[in-house]
Amino acid sequence: MQGFAIHPYSPDMAWSPTSMDTVRAQLQAIPDAKDKPFHITEFGWATGGNDTSTDWATTEATQAAWFADALPKMMARSDVAKIYVYQLVDQQTSNVGNSEMHYGLLHDDQVTQKPAYAKVKALIA
């Protein structure tokens, strides 16, 4: 076993280490799992779509602020091996009702940066 993939999505708040601490505590009871690292996958927030419990969306400014808050916390954890931002480019921003199309750090023209792009770039550079 190489590690554990987790998807720490939240529709209405920045990431918190509490959920990972809870999972880590549960893994302590499994000898082959207790020291395996986390791979944080599909991590991010949509900047378009419907703002409902089933189709999450936030503003571009909030997306940037949440990345600026969450990434340093994740990177500081000794039990995090990899962090995968979801995703680099919006898929289809003309589809305004579906948040899945709006998770990118770049707009769907693949050039125009959202504010979160600069925050993420500064943290990983």
Foldseek 3Di string as FASTA:
>chain_A
DQAEEDEQDDQPDAGDCVVVVVVLVVQVVPVVHNQHAYAYPAYFAFQAADCDPVAGHDHLVVRQVSCLPPVVVLVPDPRHDYYYYPDAEQQDVVPRHHRSRGGHQAYNVSPHGRNNVVSVVVVVD
